[in-house]
Amino acid sequence: MNWSGDNVFLGSDTSGHTVVYDSTEGVMRGIGPMRALLTALGACTGMDIVAILHKRKQRLVSLKILVSGGRPEYGLPKPWTSIHIKYVLSGEKLQKRYVEEAIKDSTEKYCSVGASLSPTAKITHSYEIVA
């Protein structure tokens, strides 16, 4: 992590990929750390779902993941206490049973971000298959 002034930090991994973090106050030049947790959860489960559906020979065309969460209004710290993930999928003849299986396997077995958040947050999910 490198401080870039104000509340802006640049986080880089060993491969050189960089994420800009900022607070919810002021200019907001990057994502807030708590919102980043939600996006990381969406990306983690999304990668699993894409891989699982590919293995099941499902022709996924698009996947949109909407992640929302709730935190306490008062007190510190304010961890996520509830998180809902909605998956909006489209593809050629996606089979409902494979979509449900992929979501269940990702959220209950594979996603390490979800496993990290689940001790403090109740994580729920839903999905919609669109044309």
N, C-alpha and C. Protein backbone atom coordinates (compact mmCIF):
# COMPACT_ATOMS: atom_id res chain seq x y z
N MET A 1 0.85 -1.18 0.00
CA MET A 1 0.00 0.00 0.00
C MET A 1 0.89 1.24 0.00
N ASN A 2 0.55 2.19 -0.82
CA ASN A 2 1.24 3.47 -0.86
C ASN A 2 0.23 4.59 -0.71
N TRP A 3 0.49 5.47 0.23
CA TRP A 3 -0.37 6.62 0.45
C TRP A 3 -0.12 7.63 -0.66
N SER A 4 -1.19 8.13 -1.27
CA SER A 4 -1.07 9.04 -2.40
C SER A 4 -1.60 10.44 -2.08
N GLY A 5 -1.80 10.71 -0.79
CA GLY A 5 -2.33 12.01 -0.37
C GLY A 5 -3.80 11.92 -0.01
N ASP A 6 -4.25 12.85 0.81
CA ASP A 6 -5.62 12.83 1.33
C ASP A 6 -5.93 11.44 1.88
N ASN A 7 -7.05 10.87 1.47
CA ASN A 7 -7.41 9.52 1.90
C ASN A 7 -7.17 8.49 0.80
N VAL A 8 -6.33 8.79 -0.15
CA VAL A 8 -6.10 7.92 -1.30
C VAL A 8 -4.89 7.02 -1.05
N PHE A 9 -5.10 5.73 -1.28
CA PHE A 9 -4.03 4.74 -1.18
C PHE A 9 -4.02 3.92 -2.47
N LEU A 10 -2.83 3.53 -2.89
CA LEU A 10 -2.68 2.65 -4.04
C LEU A 10 -2.22 1.30 -3.53
N GLY A 11 -3.03 0.30 -3.77
CA GLY A 11 -2.68 -1.06 -3.35
C GLY A 11 -2.20 -1.85 -4.54
N SER A 12 -1.03 -2.43 -4.44
CA SER A 12 -0.47 -3.20 -5.55
C SER A 12 -0.13 -4.61 -5.08
N ASP A 13 -0.31 -5.56 -5.99
CA ASP A 13 0.08 -6.93 -5.66
C ASP A 13 1.46 -7.22 -6.25
N THR A 14 1.96 -8.42 -6.04
CA THR A 14 3.31 -8.77 -6.49
C THR A 14 3.42 -8.83 -8.02
N SER A 15 2.27 -8.87 -8.71
CA SER A 15 2.30 -8.86 -10.18
C SER A 15 2.24 -7.46 -10.75
N GLY A 16 2.09 -6.46 -9.88
CA GLY A 16 2.05 -5.08 -10.35
C GLY A 16 0.67 -4.53 -10.63
N HIS A 17 -0.38 -5.29 -10.34
CA HIS A 17 -1.74 -4.79 -10.52
C HIS A 17 -2.05 -3.81 -9.39
N THR A 18 -2.73 -2.72 -9.73
CA THR A 18 -2.98 -1.67 -8.75
C THR A 18 -4.46 -1.38 -8.62
N VAL A 19 -4.89 -1.14 -7.39
CA VAL A 19 -6.25 -0.72 -7.07
C VAL A 19 -6.16 0.60 -6.33
N VAL A 20 -7.02 1.55 -6.70
CA VAL A 20 -7.07 2.84 -6.03
C VAL A 20 -8.15 2.79 -4.96
N TYR A 21 -7.77 3.07 -3.72
CA TYR A 21 -8.70 3.11 -2.60
C TYR A 21 -8.86 4.55 -2.13
N ASP A 22 -10.08 4.89 -1.74
CA ASP A 22 -10.36 6.21 -1.21
C ASP A 22 -11.49 6.05 -0.19
N SER A 23 -11.69 7.08 0.60
CA SER A 23 -12.79 7.03 1.57
C SER A 23 -14.07 7.51 0.90
N THR A 24 -15.16 7.46 1.62
CA THR A 24 -16.44 7.94 1.08
C THR A 24 -16.58 9.44 1.23
N GLU A 25 -15.56 10.10 1.75
CA GLU A 25 -15.57 11.55 1.94
C GLU A 25 -14.71 12.21 0.86
N GLY A 26 -15.05 13.42 0.47
CA GLY A 26 -14.19 14.19 -0.42
C GLY A 26 -14.29 13.80 -1.88
N VAL A 27 -13.14 13.76 -2.55
CA VAL A 27 -13.08 13.61 -4.00
C VAL A 27 -13.51 12.23 -4.48
N MET A 28 -13.27 11.20 -3.72
CA MET A 28 -13.64 9.82 -4.05
C MET A 28 -12.98 9.39 -5.38
N ARG A 29 -11.68 9.30 -5.38
CA ARG A 29 -10.92 8.90 -6.57
C ARG A 29 -10.78 7.39 -6.70
N GLY A 30 -11.29 6.65 -5.76
CA GLY A 30 -11.19 5.19 -5.82
C GLY A 30 -12.31 4.56 -5.04
N ILE A 31 -12.25 3.27 -4.93
CA ILE A 31 -13.27 2.51 -4.21
C ILE A 31 -12.92 2.49 -2.72
N GLY A 32 -13.95 2.56 -1.89
CA GLY A 32 -13.73 2.47 -0.45
C GLY A 32 -13.38 1.04 -0.06
N PRO A 33 -12.58 0.85 0.97
CA PRO A 33 -12.18 -0.49 1.37
C PRO A 33 -13.35 -1.43 1.67
N MET A 34 -14.40 -0.92 2.31
CA MET A 34 -15.54 -1.79 2.62
C MET A 34 -16.33 -2.15 1.36
N ARG A 35 -16.47 -1.21 0.43
CA ARG A 35 -17.12 -1.53 -0.84
C ARG A 35 -16.27 -2.50 -1.65
N ALA A 36 -14.95 -2.38 -1.50
CA ALA A 36 -14.05 -3.30 -2.20
C ALA A 36 -14.28 -4.74 -1.76
N LEU A 37 -14.61 -4.93 -0.49
CA LEU A 37 -14.92 -6.29 -0.02
C LEU A 37 -16.12 -6.86 -0.78
N LEU A 38 -17.14 -6.03 -1.00
CA LEU A 38 -18.31 -6.52 -1.73
C LEU A 38 -17.96 -6.85 -3.18
N THR A 39 -17.16 -5.99 -3.82
CA THR A 39 -16.79 -6.28 -5.20
C THR A 39 -15.90 -7.53 -5.28
N ALA A 40 -15.03 -7.72 -4.29
CA ALA A 40 -14.19 -8.92 -4.27
C ALA A 40 -15.06 -10.17 -4.13
N LEU A 41 -16.10 -10.09 -3.32
CA LEU A 41 -17.02 -11.23 -3.18
C LEU A 41 -17.71 -11.52 -4.50
N GLY A 42 -18.19 -10.48 -5.16
CA GLY A 42 -18.83 -10.68 -6.46
C GLY A 42 -17.89 -11.28 -7.48
N ALA A 43 -16.67 -10.79 -7.54
CA ALA A 43 -15.68 -11.33 -8.49
C ALA A 43 -15.33 -12.77 -8.18
N CYS A 44 -15.18 -13.08 -6.90
CA CYS A 44 -14.81 -14.44 -6.48
C CYS A 44 -15.89 -15.44 -6.88
N THR A 45 -17.12 -15.15 -6.53
CA THR A 45 -18.20 -16.08 -6.89
C THR A 45 -18.42 -16.10 -8.39
N GLY A 46 -18.26 -14.95 -9.04
CA GLY A 46 -18.45 -14.89 -10.49
C GLY A 46 -17.46 -15.77 -11.23
N MET A 47 -16.21 -15.73 -10.82
CA MET A 47 -15.19 -16.57 -11.46
C MET A 47 -15.52 -18.06 -11.30
N ASP A 48 -15.98 -18.42 -10.10
CA ASP A 48 -16.38 -19.81 -9.87
C ASP A 48 -17.54 -20.20 -10.78
N ILE A 49 -18.55 -19.36 -10.83
CA ILE A 49 -19.76 -19.67 -11.60
C ILE A 49 -19.44 -19.81 -13.08
N VAL A 50 -18.63 -18.90 -13.62
CA VAL A 50 -18.23 -19.00 -15.02
C VAL A 50 -17.52 -20.33 -15.28
N ALA A 51 -16.59 -20.69 -14.42
CA ALA A 51 -15.83 -21.94 -14.59
C ALA A 51 -16.74 -23.16 -14.48
N ILE A 52 -17.63 -23.17 -13.50
CA ILE A 52 -18.52 -24.32 -13.30
C ILE A 52 -19.47 -24.47 -14.49
N LEU A 53 -20.06 -23.38 -14.94
CA LEU A 53 -20.97 -23.46 -16.08
C LEU A 53 -20.24 -23.88 -17.35
N HIS A 54 -19.01 -23.43 -17.51
CA HIS A 54 -18.21 -23.86 -18.66
C HIS A 54 -17.99 -25.37 -18.63
N LYS A 55 -17.65 -25.90 -17.46
CA LYS A 55 -17.46 -27.35 -17.33
C LYS A 55 -18.74 -28.12 -17.62
N ARG A 56 -19.88 -27.50 -17.34
CA ARG A 56 -21.18 -28.14 -17.58
C ARG A 56 -21.67 -27.91 -19.01
N LYS A 57 -20.79 -27.34 -19.85
CA LYS A 57 -21.12 -27.08 -21.26
C LYS A 57 -22.30 -26.14 -21.43
N GLN A 58 -22.44 -25.21 -20.48
CA GLN A 58 -23.47 -24.19 -20.57
C GLN A 58 -22.91 -22.99 -21.31
N ARG A 59 -23.66 -22.43 -22.25
CA ARG A 59 -23.18 -21.33 -23.08
C ARG A 59 -23.57 -19.99 -22.46
N LEU A 60 -22.80 -19.57 -21.47
CA LEU A 60 -23.02 -18.31 -20.78
C LEU A 60 -22.59 -17.16 -21.70
N VAL A 61 -23.47 -16.18 -21.88
CA VAL A 61 -23.16 -15.04 -22.73
C VAL A 61 -22.83 -13.82 -21.89
N SER A 62 -23.56 -13.63 -20.78
CA SER A 62 -23.25 -12.51 -19.89
C SER A 62 -23.60 -12.87 -18.46
N LEU A 63 -22.89 -12.22 -17.55
CA LEU A 63 -23.13 -12.40 -16.12
C LEU A 63 -22.93 -11.06 -15.45
N LYS A 64 -23.98 -10.57 -14.83
CA LYS A 64 -23.91 -9.33 -14.06
C LYS A 64 -24.16 -9.71 -12.61
N ILE A 65 -23.35 -9.17 -11.72
CA ILE A 65 -23.46 -9.53 -10.31
C ILE A 65 -23.70 -8.25 -9.51
N LEU A 66 -24.82 -8.20 -8.82
CA LEU A 66 -25.19 -7.05 -8.00
C LEU A 66 -25.01 -7.45 -6.54
N VAL A 67 -24.15 -6.74 -5.83
CA VAL A 67 -23.86 -7.08 -4.44
C VAL A 67 -24.23 -5.89 -3.56
N SER A 68 -25.04 -6.15 -2.56
CA SER A 68 -25.42 -5.10 -1.61
C SER A 68 -25.24 -5.64 -0.20
N GLY A 69 -25.10 -4.72 0.74
CA GLY A 69 -24.88 -5.18 2.10
C GLY A 69 -25.36 -4.19 3.13
N GLY A 70 -25.49 -4.69 4.34
CA GLY A 70 -25.90 -3.86 5.46
C GLY A 70 -24.85 -3.88 6.56
N ARG A 71 -24.70 -2.72 7.21
CA ARG A 71 -23.75 -2.57 8.30
C ARG A 71 -24.44 -1.84 9.44
N PRO A 72 -23.94 -1.97 10.67
CA PRO A 72 -24.54 -1.24 11.79
C PRO A 72 -24.46 0.27 11.56
N GLU A 73 -25.48 0.97 12.02
CA GLU A 73 -25.49 2.43 11.88
C GLU A 73 -24.54 3.09 12.88
N TYR A 74 -24.46 2.49 14.07
CA TYR A 74 -23.66 3.09 15.14
C TYR A 74 -22.58 2.13 15.62
N GLY A 75 -21.57 2.69 16.28
CA GLY A 75 -20.51 1.87 16.86
C GLY A 75 -19.38 1.62 15.87
N LEU A 76 -18.28 1.19 16.42
CA LEU A 76 -17.11 0.85 15.61
C LEU A 76 -16.51 -0.45 16.12
N PRO A 77 -16.01 -1.31 15.30
CA PRO A 77 -16.04 -1.22 13.85
C PRO A 77 -17.45 -1.50 13.32
N LYS A 78 -17.63 -1.32 12.01
CA LYS A 78 -18.93 -1.55 11.37
C LYS A 78 -18.77 -2.61 10.29
N PRO A 79 -18.68 -3.88 10.69
CA PRO A 79 -18.51 -4.94 9.69
C PRO A 79 -19.80 -5.17 8.91
N TRP A 80 -19.68 -5.77 7.76
CA TRP A 80 -20.87 -6.18 7.02
C TRP A 80 -21.59 -7.23 7.87
N THR A 81 -22.88 -7.04 8.10
CA THR A 81 -23.67 -8.01 8.86
C THR A 81 -24.64 -8.76 7.97
N SER A 82 -24.95 -8.18 6.81
CA SER A 82 -25.80 -8.86 5.83
C SER A 82 -25.32 -8.49 4.44
N ILE A 83 -25.28 -9.47 3.57
CA ILE A 83 -24.86 -9.26 2.19
C ILE A 83 -25.79 -10.07 1.30
N HIS A 84 -26.25 -9.42 0.22
CA HIS A 84 -27.06 -10.14 -0.76
C HIS A 84 -26.39 -10.03 -2.12
N ILE A 85 -26.28 -11.17 -2.79
CA ILE A 85 -25.69 -11.23 -4.13
C ILE A 85 -26.79 -11.64 -5.10
N LYS A 86 -27.01 -10.82 -6.13
CA LYS A 86 -27.97 -11.18 -7.17
C LYS A 86 -27.19 -11.40 -8.46
N TYR A 87 -27.38 -12.56 -9.06
CA TYR A 87 -26.74 -12.92 -10.31
C TYR A 87 -27.76 -12.77 -11.44
N VAL A 88 -27.39 -12.05 -12.48
CA VAL A 88 -28.24 -11.91 -13.66
C VAL A 88 -27.45 -12.53 -14.82
N LEU A 89 -27.95 -13.66 -15.30
CA LEU A 89 -27.24 -14.43 -16.30
C LEU A 89 -28.03 -14.47 -17.60
N SER A 90 -27.31 -14.54 -18.69
CA SER A 90 -27.95 -14.83 -19.97
C SER A 90 -27.04 -15.76 -20.75
N GLY A 91 -27.67 -16.53 -21.61
CA GLY A 91 -26.91 -17.48 -22.40
C GLY A 91 -27.85 -18.30 -23.26
N GLU A 92 -27.25 -19.13 -24.07
CA GLU A 92 -28.03 -19.98 -24.95
C GLU A 92 -28.48 -21.22 -24.19
N LYS A 93 -29.77 -21.30 -23.94
CA LYS A 93 -30.38 -22.48 -23.31
C LYS A 93 -29.74 -22.83 -21.97
N LEU A 94 -29.50 -21.83 -21.12
CA LEU A 94 -28.96 -22.11 -19.79
C LEU A 94 -29.95 -22.98 -19.02
N GLN A 95 -29.46 -24.03 -18.43
CA GLN A 95 -30.32 -24.91 -17.65
C GLN A 95 -30.33 -24.45 -16.20
N LYS A 96 -31.54 -24.26 -15.70
CA LYS A 96 -31.75 -23.76 -14.34
C LYS A 96 -30.99 -24.59 -13.31
N ARG A 97 -31.02 -25.90 -13.44
CA ARG A 97 -30.38 -26.76 -12.44
C ARG A 97 -28.87 -26.55 -12.40
N TYR A 98 -28.24 -26.30 -13.56
CA TYR A 98 -26.79 -26.07 -13.58
C TYR A 98 -26.45 -24.69 -13.01
N VAL A 99 -27.30 -23.71 -13.28
CA VAL A 99 -27.09 -22.37 -12.72
C VAL A 99 -27.19 -22.44 -11.20
N GLU A 100 -28.23 -23.09 -10.70
CA GLU A 100 -28.41 -23.22 -9.25
C GLU A 100 -27.26 -23.97 -8.61
N GLU A 101 -26.81 -25.03 -9.25
CA GLU A 101 -25.69 -25.82 -8.74
C GLU A 101 -24.40 -24.98 -8.70
N ALA A 102 -24.16 -24.22 -9.75
CA ALA A 102 -22.95 -23.39 -9.81
C ALA A 102 -22.96 -22.33 -8.71
N ILE A 103 -24.10 -21.68 -8.52
CA ILE A 103 -24.20 -20.66 -7.47
C ILE A 103 -24.03 -21.27 -6.10
N LYS A 104 -24.69 -22.39 -5.86
CA LYS A 104 -24.60 -23.06 -4.56
C LYS A 104 -23.16 -23.51 -4.27
N ASP A 105 -22.52 -24.14 -5.25
CA ASP A 105 -21.16 -24.61 -5.04
C ASP A 105 -20.20 -23.45 -4.77
N SER A 106 -20.35 -22.37 -5.52
CA SER A 106 -19.47 -21.23 -5.31
C SER A 106 -19.68 -20.63 -3.93
N THR A 107 -20.93 -20.32 -3.60
CA THR A 107 -21.20 -19.61 -2.34
C THR A 107 -21.00 -20.48 -1.11
N GLU A 108 -21.15 -21.80 -1.23
CA GLU A 108 -21.03 -22.66 -0.06
C GLU A 108 -19.71 -23.42 0.04
N LYS A 109 -19.00 -23.61 -1.08
CA LYS A 109 -17.79 -24.43 -1.04
C LYS A 109 -16.52 -23.74 -1.48
N TYR A 110 -16.58 -22.98 -2.57
CA TYR A 110 -15.35 -22.56 -3.23
C TYR A 110 -14.85 -21.15 -2.94
N CYS A 111 -15.73 -20.19 -2.78
CA CYS A 111 -15.31 -18.79 -2.71
C CYS A 111 -14.68 -18.45 -1.35
N SER A 112 -13.39 -18.19 -1.36
CA SER A 112 -12.66 -17.87 -0.12
C SER A 112 -13.05 -16.50 0.43
N VAL A 113 -13.43 -15.57 -0.42
CA VAL A 113 -13.86 -14.25 0.06
C VAL A 113 -15.15 -14.41 0.87
N GLY A 114 -16.08 -15.19 0.36
CA GLY A 114 -17.32 -15.46 1.09
C GLY A 114 -17.05 -16.17 2.40
N ALA A 115 -16.13 -17.10 2.39
CA ALA A 115 -15.78 -17.81 3.63
C ALA A 115 -15.17 -16.85 4.64
N SER A 116 -14.45 -15.85 4.17
CA SER A 116 -13.85 -14.86 5.06
C SER A 116 -14.89 -13.92 5.65
N LEU A 117 -15.92 -13.61 4.89
CA LEU A 117 -16.95 -12.67 5.35
C LEU A 117 -18.06 -13.35 6.14
N SER A 118 -18.29 -14.63 5.92
CA SER A 118 -19.45 -15.30 6.52
C SER A 118 -19.46 -15.40 8.05
N PRO A 119 -18.33 -15.33 8.74
CA PRO A 119 -18.44 -15.35 10.20
C PRO A 119 -19.17 -14.14 10.78
N THR A 120 -19.15 -13.00 10.08
CA THR A 120 -19.82 -11.81 10.60
C THR A 120 -21.03 -11.39 9.78
N ALA A 121 -21.15 -11.90 8.55
CA ALA A 121 -22.24 -11.48 7.66
C ALA A 121 -23.08 -12.66 7.22
N LYS A 122 -24.38 -12.48 7.26
CA LYS A 122 -25.29 -13.47 6.68
C LYS A 122 -25.34 -13.18 5.18
N ILE A 123 -24.86 -14.14 4.39
CA ILE A 123 -24.79 -13.95 2.94
C ILE A 123 -25.91 -14.73 2.28
N THR A 124 -26.73 -14.01 1.51
CA THR A 124 -27.82 -14.63 0.77
C THR A 124 -27.60 -14.38 -0.72
N HIS A 125 -28.34 -15.11 -1.54
CA HIS A 125 -28.21 -14.90 -2.98
C HIS A 125 -29.52 -15.19 -3.69
N SER A 126 -29.61 -14.64 -4.89
CA SER A 126 -30.73 -14.92 -5.78
C SER A 126 -30.17 -14.85 -7.20
N TYR A 127 -30.98 -15.26 -8.16
CA TYR A 127 -30.52 -15.18 -9.53
C TYR A 127 -31.70 -14.97 -10.46
N GLU A 128 -31.38 -14.52 -11.66
CA GLU A 128 -32.36 -14.34 -12.71
C GLU A 128 -31.71 -14.70 -14.02
N ILE A 129 -32.38 -15.49 -14.82
CA ILE A 129 -31.91 -15.81 -16.16
C ILE A 129 -32.72 -14.96 -17.12
N VAL A 130 -32.02 -14.13 -17.91
CA VAL A 130 -32.70 -13.24 -18.85
C VAL A 130 -32.36 -13.64 -20.28
N ALA A 131 -33.24 -13.25 -21.18
CA ALA A 131 -33.03 -13.59 -22.61
C ALA A 131 -31.94 -12.74 -23.20
